[in-house]
C-alpha cells in the first residue's frame, strides 16, 4: 500500500473519531487530546518510543530546562 494512501485512510479514521459522540465525551471535546491518543494508538502498534509534545508543552519544557541551567527553580 502506498504510504500517502495509508495516511489518507488514517485521516478518515481520525475524522470518524471526531464524529463519534462517545469518543468526544471521553475526551471532553478536546481535539488535541484526541490527536495525541490517536497517535499513541499508532505508536503502540508499531512499537514506537517517540515522546509526543505539543508546541506549548515543548515550550514549557524548554523554559524549565533553561531556567534549571541558570540555577533557577521553575
C-alpha atoms as a PDB file:
ATOM      1  CA  UNK A   1       0.000   0.000   0.000  1.00  0.00           C
ATOM      2  CA  UNK A   2       1.189   3.472  -0.902  1.00  0.00           C
ATOM      3  CA  UNK A   3       2.147   5.485   2.228  1.00  0.00           C
ATOM      4  CA  UNK A   4       0.074   8.509   1.128  1.00  0.00           C
ATOM      5  CA  UNK A   5      -2.971   6.288   0.729  1.00  0.00           C
ATOM      6  CA  UNK A   6      -2.371   4.819   4.180  1.00  0.00           C
ATOM      7  CA  UNK A   7      -2.139   8.312   5.703  1.00  0.00           C
ATOM      8  CA  UNK A   8      -5.359   9.294   3.927  1.00  0.00           C
ATOM      9  CA  UNK A   9      -7.046   6.251   5.495  1.00  0.00           C
ATOM     10  CA  UNK A  10      -5.710   7.271   8.918  1.00  0.00           C
ATOM     11  CA  UNK A  11      -7.111  10.760   8.413  1.00  0.00           C
ATOM     12  CA  UNK A  12     -10.522   9.244   7.612  1.00  0.00           C
ATOM     13  CA  UNK A  13     -10.350   7.095  10.755  1.00  0.00           C
ATOM     14  CA  UNK A  14      -9.419  10.094  12.883  1.00  0.00           C
ATOM     15  CA  UNK A  15     -12.304  12.095  11.432  1.00  0.00           C
ATOM     16  CA  UNK A  16     -14.617   9.227  12.408  1.00  0.00           C
ATOM     17  CA  UNK A  17     -13.305   9.593  15.972  1.00  0.00           C
ATOM     18  CA  UNK A  18     -14.146  13.293  15.840  1.00  0.00           C
ATOM     19  CA  UNK A  19     -17.692  12.477  14.763  1.00  0.00           C
ATOM     20  CA  UNK A  20     -18.160   9.833  17.467  1.00  0.00           C
ATOM     21  CA  UNK A  21     -20.041  11.276  20.438  1.00  0.00           C
ATOM     22  CA  UNK A  22     -18.661   8.633  22.836  1.00  0.00           C
ATOM     23  CA  UNK A  23     -15.046   9.480  21.963  1.00  0.00           C
ATOM     24  CA  UNK A  24     -15.787  13.193  22.189  1.00  0.00           C
ATOM     25  CA  UNK A  25     -17.387  12.696  25.619  1.00  0.00           C
ATOM     26  CA  UNK A  26     -14.427  10.650  26.868  1.00  0.00           C
ATOM     27  CA  UNK A  27     -12.015  13.382  25.736  1.00  0.00           C
ATOM     28  CA  UNK A  28     -14.307  16.234  26.834  1.00  0.00           C
ATOM     29  CA  UNK A  29     -14.277  17.524  23.264  1.00  0.00           C
ATOM     30  CA  UNK A  30     -10.518  18.164  23.447  1.00  0.00           C
ATOM     31  CA  UNK A  31      -9.323  17.615  19.885  1.00  0.00           C
ATOM     32  CA  UNK A  32      -5.665  17.946  20.864  1.00  0.00           C
ATOM     33  CA  UNK A  33      -6.085  15.148  23.424  1.00  0.00           C
ATOM     34  CA  UNK A  34      -7.806  13.026  20.763  1.00  0.00           C
ATOM     35  CA  UNK A  35      -4.922  13.644  18.359  1.00  0.00           C
ATOM     36  CA  UNK A  36      -2.412  12.538  20.993  1.00  0.00           C
ATOM     37  CA  UNK A  37      -4.473   9.427  21.783  1.00  0.00           C
ATOM     38  CA  UNK A  38      -4.797   8.556  18.091  1.00  0.00           C
ATOM     39  CA  UNK A  39      -1.058   8.919  17.569  1.00  0.00           C
ATOM     40  CA  UNK A  40      -0.366   6.932  20.759  1.00  0.00           C
ATOM     41  CA  UNK A  41      -2.512   4.082  19.387  1.00  0.00           C
ATOM     42  CA  UNK A  42      -0.497   4.068  16.158  1.00  0.00           C
ATOM     43  CA  UNK A  43       2.770   4.222  18.103  1.00  0.00           C
ATOM     44  CA  UNK A  44       1.746   1.273  20.246  1.00  0.00           C
ATOM     45  CA  UNK A  45       1.048  -0.820  17.165  1.00  0.00           C
ATOM     46  CA  UNK A  46       4.390  -0.019  15.517  1.00  0.00           C
ATOM     47  CA  UNK A  47       6.449  -0.174  18.709  1.00  0.00           C
ATOM     48  CA  UNK A  48       7.449   3.495  18.592  1.00  0.00           C
ATOM     49  CA  UNK A  49       9.083   5.020  21.648  1.00  0.00           C
ATOM     50  CA  UNK A  50       8.974   8.645  20.494  1.00  0.00           C
ATOM     51  CA  UNK A  51       7.791  11.232  23.015  1.00  0.00           C
ATOM     52  CA  UNK A  52       4.968  13.433  21.775  1.00  0.00           C
ATOM     53  CA  UNK A  53       4.730  17.018  22.922  1.00  0.00           C
ATOM     54  CA  UNK A  54       2.506  19.834  21.759  1.00  0.00           C
ATOM     55  CA  UNK A  55       4.184  23.107  20.857  1.00  0.00           C
ATOM     56  CA  UNK A  56       3.068  24.521  24.214  1.00  0.00           C
ATOM     57  CA  UNK A  57       4.429  21.515  26.137  1.00  0.00           C
ATOM     58  CA  UNK A  58       7.740  21.769  24.285  1.00  0.00           C
ATOM     59  CA  UNK A  59       7.966  25.490  25.034  1.00  0.00           C
ATOM     60  CA  UNK A  60       7.369  24.849  28.748  1.00  0.00           C
ATOM     61  CA  UNK A  61       9.932  22.042  28.823  1.00  0.00           C
ATOM     62  CA  UNK A  62      12.497  24.309  27.134  1.00  0.00           C
ATOM     63  CA  UNK A  63      11.783  27.111  29.604  1.00  0.00           C
ATOM     64  CA  UNK A  64      12.145  24.693  32.514  1.00  0.00           C
ATOM     65  CA  UNK A  65      15.424  23.357  31.118  1.00  0.00           C
ATOM     66  CA  UNK A  66      16.915  26.801  30.504  1.00  0.00           C
ATOM     67  CA  UNK A  67      15.845  28.010  33.948  1.00  0.00           C
ATOM     68  CA  UNK A  68      17.498  24.977  35.546  1.00  0.00           C
ATOM     69  CA  UNK A  69      20.729  25.642  33.615  1.00  0.00           C
ATOM     70  CA  UNK A  70      20.765  29.149  35.061  1.00  0.00           C
ATOM     71  CA  UNK A  71      20.141  27.856  38.570  1.00  0.00           C
ATOM     72  CA  UNK A  72      16.529  28.956  38.856  1.00  0.00           C
ATOM     73  CA  UNK A  73      13.639  26.847  40.075  1.00  0.00           C
ATOM     74  CA  UNK A  74      10.797  26.757  37.589  1.00  0.00           C
END
